[in-house]
Amino acid sequence: MIRIVILASGSGTNAENIIKYFKGSKSISVVQVLSNKKNAKVLERAKQLKISGISFEKEDFFTSDKVLNLLKSTADYIILAGFLWKIPTKIIEAFPNKIINIHPALLPKYGGKGMYGMHVHEAVVKNKEKKSGITIHFVNENYDEGGIIFQKNFDVLPSDSAEDVANKVHILEYEYFPKIIEQVIKGQ
């Protein structure tokens, strides 16, 4: 059984979608959700779905090896689902091409530090982009610069607000993120 650990910082809708997608799988299982926020809704969602949920402190992630050792003992793949911290090199080195992130834009546009959630959608609308979408990519030492696995786009209409763009992105995230994770795992 291939074990997935999800790292998330927020409400956890993508995490919940991934957990539900793999619920009946005989080869891939979400075994844990880790969050850098004690009160993140994602931990509540994990508990409701009978998945272990743990929060951790900044020192546990960046300074000590506490999170690294936990991941080594529980994960074959790490999935970032709305996780906002940069992944330390020691974790990237321990999981080469086994850390997957989703970004709510067509990278390399609108990536990098501070470009997440509504910040991305507002920038897309402000710059009058004709297309936006999602990028699923491997994680490396730099924000949103790892190898691109998959992109899917949609038309941004002149009348679209940032919220409209966000809604279109969410539809693509829910449809494609779990499927692409499965394809990557089964293909490696």
N, C-alpha and C. Protein backbone atom coordinates (compact mmCIF):
# COMPACT_ATOMS: atom_id res chain seq x y z
N MET A 1 0.85 -1.19 0.00
CA MET A 1 0.00 0.00 0.00
C MET A 1 0.88 1.25 0.00
N ILE A 2 0.69 2.12 -0.97
CA ILE A 2 1.41 3.40 -1.04
C ILE A 2 0.71 4.37 -0.08
N ARG A 3 1.51 4.97 0.79
CA ARG A 3 0.96 5.86 1.83
C ARG A 3 1.18 7.33 1.47
N ILE A 4 0.08 8.09 1.53
CA ILE A 4 0.11 9.53 1.29
C ILE A 4 -0.08 10.26 2.61
N VAL A 5 0.75 11.28 2.83
CA VAL A 5 0.52 12.24 3.92
C VAL A 5 0.26 13.58 3.27
N ILE A 6 -0.81 14.23 3.70
CA ILE A 6 -1.18 15.53 3.17
C ILE A 6 -0.73 16.62 4.14
N LEU A 7 -0.06 17.65 3.61
CA LEU A 7 0.27 18.85 4.39
C LEU A 7 -0.69 19.95 3.95
N ALA A 8 -1.35 20.57 4.93
CA ALA A 8 -2.33 21.61 4.63
C ALA A 8 -2.32 22.67 5.72
N SER A 9 -2.68 23.88 5.34
CA SER A 9 -2.69 25.00 6.30
C SER A 9 -4.08 25.55 6.57
N GLY A 10 -5.05 25.23 5.72
CA GLY A 10 -6.33 25.93 5.80
C GLY A 10 -7.54 25.06 6.00
N SER A 11 -8.58 25.35 5.20
CA SER A 11 -9.87 24.70 5.41
C SER A 11 -9.87 23.24 5.00
N GLY A 12 -9.05 22.88 4.02
CA GLY A 12 -8.90 21.46 3.72
C GLY A 12 -9.87 20.87 2.72
N THR A 13 -10.46 21.70 1.85
CA THR A 13 -11.40 21.13 0.88
C THR A 13 -10.67 20.21 -0.11
N ASN A 14 -9.49 20.61 -0.55
CA ASN A 14 -8.72 19.72 -1.45
C ASN A 14 -8.28 18.46 -0.72
N ALA A 15 -7.85 18.60 0.52
CA ALA A 15 -7.44 17.43 1.31
C ALA A 15 -8.61 16.46 1.45
N GLU A 16 -9.78 16.98 1.77
CA GLU A 16 -10.96 16.13 1.90
C GLU A 16 -11.27 15.42 0.59
N ASN A 17 -11.18 16.13 -0.51
CA ASN A 17 -11.44 15.55 -1.82
C ASN A 17 -10.46 14.41 -2.12
N ILE A 18 -9.19 14.61 -1.78
CA ILE A 18 -8.16 13.59 -2.01
C ILE A 18 -8.41 12.37 -1.13
N ILE A 19 -8.73 12.60 0.14
CA ILE A 19 -9.01 11.50 1.08
C ILE A 19 -10.18 10.66 0.55
N LYS A 20 -11.25 11.33 0.15
CA LYS A 20 -12.43 10.61 -0.35
C LYS A 20 -12.11 9.84 -1.64
N TYR A 21 -11.30 10.44 -2.50
CA TYR A 21 -10.95 9.80 -3.78
C TYR A 21 -10.24 8.46 -3.55
N PHE A 22 -9.32 8.44 -2.58
CA PHE A 22 -8.53 7.22 -2.35
C PHE A 22 -9.14 6.29 -1.30
N LYS A 23 -10.30 6.65 -0.76
CA LYS A 23 -10.92 5.86 0.31
C LYS A 23 -11.05 4.38 -0.04
N GLY A 24 -11.47 4.06 -1.22
CA GLY A 24 -11.69 2.65 -1.58
C GLY A 24 -10.52 2.00 -2.32
N SER A 25 -9.42 2.73 -2.47
CA SER A 25 -8.29 2.20 -3.25
C SER A 25 -7.61 1.04 -2.52
N LYS A 26 -7.22 0.05 -3.30
CA LYS A 26 -6.50 -1.09 -2.73
C LYS A 26 -4.99 -0.89 -2.78
N SER A 27 -4.53 0.19 -3.45
CA SER A 27 -3.09 0.38 -3.60
C SER A 27 -2.56 1.71 -3.04
N ILE A 28 -3.45 2.68 -2.82
CA ILE A 28 -3.02 4.00 -2.34
C ILE A 28 -3.93 4.42 -1.20
N SER A 29 -3.33 4.94 -0.12
CA SER A 29 -4.12 5.33 1.05
C SER A 29 -3.59 6.63 1.64
N VAL A 30 -4.51 7.54 1.97
CA VAL A 30 -4.13 8.73 2.73
C VAL A 30 -4.09 8.30 4.19
N VAL A 31 -2.91 8.39 4.80
CA VAL A 31 -2.76 7.87 6.17
C VAL A 31 -2.73 8.97 7.22
N GLN A 32 -2.46 10.22 6.80
CA GLN A 32 -2.34 11.27 7.80
C GLN A 32 -2.44 12.65 7.15
N VAL A 33 -2.92 13.60 7.95
CA VAL A 33 -2.93 15.01 7.56
C VAL A 33 -2.12 15.76 8.61
N LEU A 34 -1.16 16.54 8.14
CA LEU A 34 -0.35 17.37 9.03
C LEU A 34 -0.62 18.83 8.71
N SER A 35 -0.72 19.64 9.76
CA SER A 35 -0.97 21.07 9.56
C SER A 35 -0.06 21.91 10.43
N ASN A 36 0.34 23.04 9.89
CA ASN A 36 1.15 23.99 10.65
C ASN A 36 0.27 24.95 11.46
N LYS A 37 -1.03 24.69 11.49
CA LYS A 37 -1.95 25.52 12.27
C LYS A 37 -2.81 24.62 13.14
N LYS A 38 -2.75 24.85 14.46
CA LYS A 38 -3.51 24.03 15.41
C LYS A 38 -5.00 24.02 15.15
N ASN A 39 -5.54 25.17 14.74
CA ASN A 39 -6.98 25.31 14.56
C ASN A 39 -7.43 25.22 13.11
N ALA A 40 -6.60 24.69 12.25
CA ALA A 40 -6.96 24.58 10.84
C ALA A 40 -8.16 23.65 10.67
N LYS A 41 -9.11 24.07 9.87
CA LYS A 41 -10.31 23.27 9.63
C LYS A 41 -9.97 21.91 9.00
N VAL A 42 -8.83 21.84 8.32
CA VAL A 42 -8.43 20.58 7.68
C VAL A 42 -8.29 19.46 8.72
N LEU A 43 -7.85 19.79 9.93
CA LEU A 43 -7.70 18.77 10.98
C LEU A 43 -9.07 18.22 11.41
N GLU A 44 -10.05 19.11 11.45
CA GLU A 44 -11.42 18.70 11.77
C GLU A 44 -11.96 17.78 10.65
N ARG A 45 -11.71 18.17 9.41
CA ARG A 45 -12.16 17.35 8.27
C ARG A 45 -11.52 15.96 8.33
N ALA A 46 -10.21 15.92 8.62
CA ALA A 46 -9.50 14.64 8.69
C ALA A 46 -10.13 13.75 9.76
N LYS A 47 -10.40 14.34 10.92
CA LYS A 47 -11.00 13.57 12.02
C LYS A 47 -12.36 13.00 11.60
N GLN A 48 -13.18 13.81 10.94
CA GLN A 48 -14.50 13.34 10.48
C GLN A 48 -14.36 12.19 9.48
N LEU A 49 -13.26 12.20 8.73
CA LEU A 49 -13.03 11.15 7.73
C LEU A 49 -12.19 10.00 8.28
N LYS A 50 -11.97 10.02 9.60
CA LYS A 50 -11.24 8.96 10.31
C LYS A 50 -9.79 8.82 9.83
N ILE A 51 -9.15 9.98 9.60
CA ILE A 51 -7.74 10.06 9.22
C ILE A 51 -7.01 10.80 10.33
N SER A 52 -5.87 10.30 10.72
CA SER A 52 -5.07 10.95 11.75
C SER A 52 -4.71 12.37 11.32
N GLY A 53 -4.90 13.31 12.22
CA GLY A 53 -4.56 14.71 11.94
C GLY A 53 -3.69 15.25 13.06
N ILE A 54 -2.56 15.84 12.70
CA ILE A 54 -1.61 16.34 13.69
C ILE A 54 -1.16 17.74 13.29
N SER A 55 -1.06 18.63 14.29
CA SER A 55 -0.48 19.95 14.01
C SER A 55 0.95 19.96 14.55
N PHE A 56 1.76 20.84 13.99
CA PHE A 56 3.15 20.92 14.42
C PHE A 56 3.59 22.38 14.47
N GLU A 57 4.66 22.60 15.20
CA GLU A 57 5.21 23.95 15.37
C GLU A 57 6.28 24.22 14.32
N LYS A 58 6.58 25.49 14.13
CA LYS A 58 7.57 25.92 13.14
C LYS A 58 8.93 25.25 13.38
N GLU A 59 9.35 25.18 14.66
CA GLU A 59 10.65 24.56 14.99
C GLU A 59 10.68 23.09 14.58
N ASP A 60 9.53 22.40 14.76
CA ASP A 60 9.45 20.98 14.41
C ASP A 60 9.68 20.75 12.91
N PHE A 61 9.36 21.75 12.12
CA PHE A 61 9.43 21.65 10.67
C PHE A 61 10.79 22.11 10.13
N PHE A 62 11.24 23.27 10.63
CA PHE A 62 12.44 23.88 10.06
C PHE A 62 13.73 23.58 10.83
N THR A 63 13.66 23.51 12.15
CA THR A 63 14.87 23.39 12.96
C THR A 63 15.18 21.95 13.36
N SER A 64 14.21 21.31 13.99
CA SER A 64 14.44 19.92 14.41
C SER A 64 14.05 18.97 13.26
N ASP A 65 14.26 17.69 13.49
CA ASP A 65 13.88 16.68 12.49
C ASP A 65 12.57 15.99 12.85
N LYS A 66 11.79 16.59 13.75
CA LYS A 66 10.57 15.94 14.22
C LYS A 66 9.59 15.64 13.07
N VAL A 67 9.30 16.64 12.24
CA VAL A 67 8.36 16.41 11.13
C VAL A 67 9.01 15.50 10.08
N LEU A 68 10.27 15.73 9.78
CA LEU A 68 10.98 14.88 8.82
C LEU A 68 10.91 13.41 9.24
N ASN A 69 11.21 13.12 10.50
CA ASN A 69 11.18 11.73 10.98
C ASN A 69 9.77 11.15 10.95
N LEU A 70 8.78 11.98 11.27
CA LEU A 70 7.39 11.53 11.20
C LEU A 70 7.03 11.17 9.75
N LEU A 71 7.41 12.02 8.82
CA LEU A 71 7.14 11.76 7.41
C LEU A 71 7.85 10.50 6.92
N LYS A 72 9.11 10.34 7.31
CA LYS A 72 9.87 9.15 6.91
C LYS A 72 9.20 7.87 7.40
N SER A 73 8.57 7.94 8.57
CA SER A 73 7.96 6.73 9.13
C SER A 73 6.55 6.47 8.62
N THR A 74 5.91 7.48 8.01
CA THR A 74 4.51 7.30 7.62
C THR A 74 4.22 7.49 6.13
N ALA A 75 5.09 8.20 5.40
CA ALA A 75 4.74 8.62 4.03
C ALA A 75 5.62 8.00 2.97
N ASP A 76 4.98 7.65 1.86
CA ASP A 76 5.70 7.35 0.63
C ASP A 76 5.66 8.57 -0.29
N TYR A 77 4.54 9.29 -0.23
CA TYR A 77 4.36 10.53 -1.00
C TYR A 77 3.80 11.59 -0.07
N ILE A 78 4.17 12.84 -0.34
CA ILE A 78 3.65 13.98 0.41
C ILE A 78 2.89 14.85 -0.59
N ILE A 79 1.67 15.19 -0.21
CA ILE A 79 0.84 16.04 -1.06
C ILE A 79 0.59 17.35 -0.33
N LEU A 80 0.87 18.45 -1.01
CA LEU A 80 0.60 19.78 -0.45
C LEU A 80 -0.75 20.23 -0.97
N ALA A 81 -1.65 20.48 -0.04
CA ALA A 81 -3.00 20.90 -0.40
C ALA A 81 -3.30 22.20 0.36
N GLY A 82 -2.83 23.30 -0.19
CA GLY A 82 -3.01 24.57 0.50
C GLY A 82 -2.05 24.71 1.66
N PHE A 83 -0.83 24.24 1.49
CA PHE A 83 0.19 24.36 2.53
C PHE A 83 1.10 25.52 2.14
N LEU A 84 1.24 26.50 3.05
CA LEU A 84 1.85 27.77 2.66
C LEU A 84 3.33 27.92 3.02
N TRP A 85 3.90 27.01 3.76
CA TRP A 85 5.32 27.14 4.10
C TRP A 85 6.19 26.50 3.02
N LYS A 86 7.37 27.08 2.85
CA LYS A 86 8.36 26.51 1.93
C LYS A 86 8.89 25.22 2.54
N ILE A 87 9.03 24.19 1.73
CA ILE A 87 9.47 22.88 2.22
C ILE A 87 10.99 22.90 2.39
N PRO A 88 11.47 22.53 3.59
CA PRO A 88 12.92 22.53 3.82
C PRO A 88 13.65 21.51 2.91
N THR A 89 14.88 21.84 2.57
CA THR A 89 15.70 20.99 1.70
C THR A 89 15.80 19.57 2.23
N LYS A 90 15.92 19.41 3.54
CA LYS A 90 16.08 18.06 4.11
C LYS A 90 14.87 17.16 3.80
N ILE A 91 13.68 17.76 3.74
CA ILE A 91 12.48 16.97 3.41
C ILE A 91 12.45 16.68 1.91
N ILE A 92 12.81 17.68 1.10
CA ILE A 92 12.85 17.48 -0.35
C ILE A 92 13.85 16.37 -0.70
N GLU A 93 15.00 16.39 -0.06
CA GLU A 93 16.02 15.37 -0.33
C GLU A 93 15.57 13.98 0.11
N ALA A 94 14.77 13.90 1.17
CA ALA A 94 14.30 12.61 1.67
C ALA A 94 13.18 12.03 0.78
N PHE A 95 12.52 12.91 0.01
CA PHE A 95 11.39 12.49 -0.83
C PHE A 95 11.55 13.04 -2.26
N PRO A 96 12.60 12.61 -2.98
CA PRO A 96 12.82 13.14 -4.32
C PRO A 96 11.69 12.77 -5.29
N ASN A 97 11.12 13.79 -5.93
CA ASN A 97 9.98 13.60 -6.85
C ASN A 97 8.81 12.86 -6.21
N LYS A 98 8.67 13.05 -4.91
CA LYS A 98 7.55 12.41 -4.19
C LYS A 98 6.78 13.43 -3.36
N ILE A 99 7.01 14.71 -3.64
CA ILE A 99 6.25 15.79 -3.01
C ILE A 99 5.55 16.53 -4.13
N ILE A 100 4.23 16.56 -4.07
CA ILE A 100 3.43 17.13 -5.15
C ILE A 100 2.58 18.27 -4.60
N ASN A 101 2.56 19.37 -5.35
CA ASN A 101 1.79 20.55 -4.97
C ASN A 101 0.83 20.92 -6.10
N ILE A 102 -0.24 21.62 -5.72
CA ILE A 102 -1.13 22.20 -6.73
C ILE A 102 -1.09 23.71 -6.55
N HIS A 103 -1.03 24.41 -7.68
CA HIS A 103 -0.99 25.88 -7.65
C HIS A 103 -2.18 26.41 -8.46
N PRO A 104 -2.85 27.46 -7.95
CA PRO A 104 -4.07 27.93 -8.60
C PRO A 104 -3.83 28.92 -9.74
N ALA A 105 -2.85 28.63 -10.58
CA ALA A 105 -2.56 29.46 -11.76
C ALA A 105 -1.73 28.63 -12.72
N LEU A 106 -1.50 29.18 -13.89
CA LEU A 106 -0.70 28.49 -14.90
C LEU A 106 0.75 28.93 -14.74
N LEU A 107 1.50 28.16 -13.96
CA LEU A 107 2.91 28.49 -13.75
C LEU A 107 3.64 28.46 -15.08
N PRO A 108 4.65 29.28 -15.28
CA PRO A 108 5.35 30.05 -14.25
C PRO A 108 4.69 31.38 -13.87
N LYS A 109 3.58 31.73 -14.51
CA LYS A 109 2.91 32.97 -14.14
C LYS A 109 2.28 32.84 -12.76
N TYR A 110 2.33 33.92 -12.00
CA TYR A 110 1.65 34.05 -10.71
C TYR A 110 2.08 33.01 -9.69
N GLY A 111 3.35 32.68 -9.70
CA GLY A 111 3.91 31.78 -8.69
C GLY A 111 4.85 32.54 -7.79
N GLY A 112 5.37 31.86 -6.79
CA GLY A 112 6.35 32.45 -5.89
C GLY A 112 5.78 32.82 -4.54
N LYS A 113 6.63 33.31 -3.69
CA LYS A 113 6.26 33.66 -2.32
C LYS A 113 5.12 34.68 -2.32
N GLY A 114 4.12 34.41 -1.53
CA GLY A 114 2.99 35.33 -1.40
C GLY A 114 1.91 35.15 -2.45
N MET A 115 2.17 34.30 -3.44
CA MET A 115 1.18 34.09 -4.50
C MET A 115 0.40 32.80 -4.20
N TYR A 116 -0.69 32.99 -3.47
CA TYR A 116 -1.57 31.87 -3.12
C TYR A 116 -2.99 32.39 -3.02
N GLY A 117 -3.94 31.49 -3.15
CA GLY A 117 -5.34 31.81 -2.96
C GLY A 117 -5.80 33.04 -3.75
N MET A 118 -6.53 33.90 -3.06
CA MET A 118 -7.13 35.06 -3.73
C MET A 118 -6.08 36.04 -4.26
N HIS A 119 -4.88 36.04 -3.70
CA HIS A 119 -3.82 36.92 -4.24
C HIS A 119 -3.58 36.59 -5.72
N VAL A 120 -3.58 35.30 -6.02
CA VAL A 120 -3.36 34.86 -7.40
C VAL A 120 -4.53 35.29 -8.29
N HIS A 121 -5.75 35.03 -7.85
CA HIS A 121 -6.93 35.31 -8.67
C HIS A 121 -7.10 36.81 -8.91
N GLU A 122 -6.81 37.60 -7.87
CA GLU A 122 -6.89 39.05 -8.02
C GLU A 122 -5.87 39.55 -9.05
N ALA A 123 -4.66 38.97 -9.02
CA ALA A 123 -3.62 39.36 -9.98
C ALA A 123 -4.02 38.97 -11.41
N VAL A 124 -4.61 37.80 -11.57
CA VAL A 124 -5.06 37.34 -12.88
C VAL A 124 -6.08 38.31 -13.46
N VAL A 125 -7.06 38.69 -12.64
CA VAL A 125 -8.11 39.61 -13.10
C VAL A 125 -7.53 41.00 -13.37
N LYS A 126 -6.71 41.48 -12.45
CA LYS A 126 -6.12 42.82 -12.58
C LYS A 126 -5.30 42.93 -13.88
N ASN A 127 -4.59 41.86 -14.23
CA ASN A 127 -3.76 41.88 -15.43
C ASN A 127 -4.50 41.47 -16.70
N LYS A 128 -5.82 41.32 -16.56
CA LYS A 128 -6.68 41.01 -17.70
C LYS A 128 -6.21 39.78 -18.49
N GLU A 129 -5.81 38.75 -17.75
CA GLU A 129 -5.40 37.50 -18.39
C GLU A 129 -6.59 36.89 -19.13
N LYS A 130 -6.30 36.27 -20.25
CA LYS A 130 -7.36 35.61 -21.02
C LYS A 130 -7.57 34.17 -20.57
N LYS A 131 -6.55 33.61 -19.91
CA LYS A 131 -6.64 32.23 -19.41
C LYS A 131 -6.05 32.15 -18.01
N SER A 132 -6.58 31.23 -17.24
CA SER A 132 -5.97 30.85 -15.97
C SER A 132 -6.22 29.36 -15.82
N GLY A 133 -5.87 28.81 -14.67
CA GLY A 133 -6.09 27.38 -14.49
C GLY A 133 -5.32 26.85 -13.31
N ILE A 134 -4.92 25.59 -13.39
CA ILE A 134 -4.18 24.95 -12.31
C ILE A 134 -2.88 24.37 -12.85
N THR A 135 -1.92 24.28 -11.96
CA THR A 135 -0.67 23.60 -12.26
C THR A 135 -0.40 22.61 -11.13
N ILE A 136 -0.16 21.37 -11.48
CA ILE A 136 0.25 20.36 -10.50
C ILE A 136 1.72 20.10 -10.80
N HIS A 137 2.55 20.21 -9.75
CA HIS A 137 4.00 20.13 -9.97
C HIS A 137 4.72 19.48 -8.80
N PHE A 138 5.92 18.98 -9.09
CA PHE A 138 6.78 18.48 -8.03
C PHE A 138 7.33 19.68 -7.27
N VAL A 139 7.67 19.46 -6.01
CA VAL A 139 8.20 20.52 -5.16
C VAL A 139 9.72 20.45 -5.15
N ASN A 140 10.34 21.61 -5.32
CA ASN A 140 11.79 21.71 -5.14
C ASN A 140 12.08 22.80 -4.11
N GLU A 141 13.32 23.29 -4.06
CA GLU A 141 13.73 24.24 -3.02
C GLU A 141 13.10 25.62 -3.19
N ASN A 142 12.53 25.92 -4.35
CA ASN A 142 11.95 27.24 -4.59
C ASN A 142 10.44 27.16 -4.74
N TYR A 143 9.75 28.19 -4.26
CA TYR A 143 8.29 28.24 -4.40
C TYR A 143 7.89 28.07 -5.86
N ASP A 144 7.05 27.10 -6.13
CA ASP A 144 6.37 26.94 -7.41
C ASP A 144 7.30 26.80 -8.62
N GLU A 145 8.50 26.27 -8.42
CA GLU A 145 9.44 26.12 -9.53
C GLU A 145 9.77 24.66 -9.85
N GLY A 146 9.18 23.71 -9.14
CA GLY A 146 9.46 22.30 -9.42
C GLY A 146 8.87 21.88 -10.76
N GLY A 147 9.32 20.73 -11.25
CA GLY A 147 8.88 20.24 -12.55
C GLY A 147 7.37 20.13 -12.66
N ILE A 148 6.84 20.66 -13.76
CA ILE A 148 5.39 20.64 -13.99
C ILE A 148 4.96 19.25 -14.44
N ILE A 149 3.93 18.74 -13.76
CA ILE A 149 3.37 17.43 -14.06
C ILE A 149 2.16 17.58 -14.99
N PHE A 150 1.33 18.60 -14.70
CA PHE A 150 0.05 18.73 -15.40
C PHE A 150 -0.46 20.16 -15.28
N GLN A 151 -1.05 20.66 -16.37
CA GLN A 151 -1.74 21.94 -16.33
C GLN A 151 -3.08 21.81 -17.04
N LYS A 152 -4.06 22.53 -16.55
CA LYS A 152 -5.37 22.58 -17.19
C LYS A 152 -5.83 24.03 -17.11
N ASN A 153 -6.30 24.56 -18.25
CA ASN A 153 -6.70 25.97 -18.23
C ASN A 153 -8.17 26.15 -18.56
N PHE A 154 -8.61 27.37 -18.35
CA PHE A 154 -9.96 27.79 -18.71
C PHE A 154 -9.89 29.24 -19.17
N ASP A 155 -10.92 29.68 -19.87
CA ASP A 155 -10.99 31.07 -20.31
C ASP A 155 -11.41 31.96 -19.15
N VAL A 156 -10.72 33.07 -19.02
CA VAL A 156 -11.13 34.11 -18.07
C VAL A 156 -11.93 35.12 -18.88
N LEU A 157 -13.17 35.28 -18.52
CA LEU A 157 -14.03 36.21 -19.24
C LEU A 157 -13.78 37.64 -18.76
N PRO A 158 -13.98 38.63 -19.62
CA PRO A 158 -13.79 40.02 -19.19
C PRO A 158 -14.66 40.38 -17.99
N SER A 159 -15.79 39.70 -17.85
CA SER A 159 -16.71 39.99 -16.74
C SER A 159 -16.36 39.23 -15.45
N ASP A 160 -15.39 38.31 -15.50
CA ASP A 160 -15.05 37.50 -14.33
C ASP A 160 -14.41 38.33 -13.23
N SER A 161 -14.89 38.10 -12.01
CA SER A 161 -14.26 38.68 -10.82
C SER A 161 -13.20 37.69 -10.31
N ALA A 162 -12.44 38.11 -9.33
CA ALA A 162 -11.47 37.19 -8.71
C ALA A 162 -12.18 35.98 -8.12
N GLU A 163 -13.38 36.19 -7.57
CA GLU A 163 -14.16 35.08 -7.00
C GLU A 163 -14.60 34.11 -8.09
N ASP A 164 -14.97 34.65 -9.26
CA ASP A 164 -15.34 33.78 -10.38
C ASP A 164 -14.16 32.91 -10.80
N VAL A 165 -12.99 33.53 -10.89
CA VAL A 165 -11.78 32.79 -11.25
C VAL A 165 -11.50 31.72 -10.20
N ALA A 166 -11.62 32.09 -8.92
CA ALA A 166 -11.40 31.13 -7.83
C ALA A 166 -12.33 29.94 -7.96
N ASN A 167 -13.60 30.19 -8.27
CA ASN A 167 -14.57 29.10 -8.41
C ASN A 167 -14.20 28.17 -9.56
N LYS A 168 -13.75 28.75 -10.68
CA LYS A 168 -13.35 27.93 -11.83
C LYS A 168 -12.11 27.09 -11.48
N VAL A 169 -11.19 27.69 -10.74
CA VAL A 169 -9.98 26.96 -10.31
C VAL A 169 -10.37 25.80 -9.41
N HIS A 170 -11.27 26.04 -8.45
CA HIS A 170 -11.67 24.97 -7.52
C HIS A 170 -12.28 23.78 -8.26
N ILE A 171 -13.07 24.06 -9.27
CA ILE A 171 -13.68 22.96 -10.04
C ILE A 171 -12.58 22.10 -10.66
N LEU A 172 -11.57 22.74 -11.24
CA LEU A 172 -10.46 21.98 -11.84
C LEU A 172 -9.65 21.24 -10.78
N GLU A 173 -9.41 21.89 -9.64
CA GLU A 173 -8.64 21.24 -8.57
C GLU A 173 -9.33 19.95 -8.14
N TYR A 174 -10.63 20.02 -7.88
CA TYR A 174 -11.36 18.85 -7.39
C TYR A 174 -11.39 17.75 -8.44
N GLU A 175 -11.51 18.13 -9.70
CA GLU A 175 -11.59 17.13 -10.75
C GLU A 175 -10.24 16.45 -11.02
N TYR A 176 -9.16 17.24 -11.05
CA TYR A 176 -7.90 16.70 -11.55
C TYR A 176 -6.86 16.34 -10.49
N PHE A 177 -6.82 17.02 -9.36
CA PHE A 177 -5.71 16.78 -8.42
C PHE A 177 -5.61 15.32 -7.99
N PRO A 178 -6.69 14.70 -7.50
CA PRO A 178 -6.56 13.29 -7.09
C PRO A 178 -6.18 12.36 -8.24
N LYS A 179 -6.74 12.59 -9.43
CA LYS A 179 -6.44 11.73 -10.59
C LYS A 179 -4.96 11.83 -10.97
N ILE A 180 -4.42 13.04 -10.96
CA ILE A 180 -3.02 13.23 -11.35
C ILE A 180 -2.09 12.64 -10.29
N ILE A 181 -2.45 12.78 -9.02
CA ILE A 181 -1.67 12.15 -7.94
C ILE A 181 -1.60 10.64 -8.20
N GLU A 182 -2.75 10.05 -8.49
CA GLU A 182 -2.81 8.61 -8.75
C GLU A 182 -1.95 8.23 -9.96
N GLN A 183 -2.02 9.01 -11.03
CA GLN A 183 -1.22 8.72 -12.22
C GLN A 183 0.27 8.79 -11.92
N VAL A 184 0.68 9.79 -11.15
CA VAL A 184 2.11 9.93 -10.80
C VAL A 184 2.56 8.73 -9.98
N ILE A 185 1.79 8.37 -8.97
CA ILE A 185 2.16 7.25 -8.09
C ILE A 185 2.21 5.94 -8.88
N LYS A 186 1.22 5.69 -9.69
CA LYS A 186 1.20 4.43 -10.45
C LYS A 186 2.24 4.40 -11.55
N GLY A 187 2.69 5.58 -12.00
CA GLY A 187 3.67 5.66 -13.06
C GLY A 187 5.12 5.58 -12.60
N GLN A 188 5.35 5.72 -11.28
CA GLN A 188 6.73 5.72 -10.78
C GLN A 188 7.18 4.35 -10.34
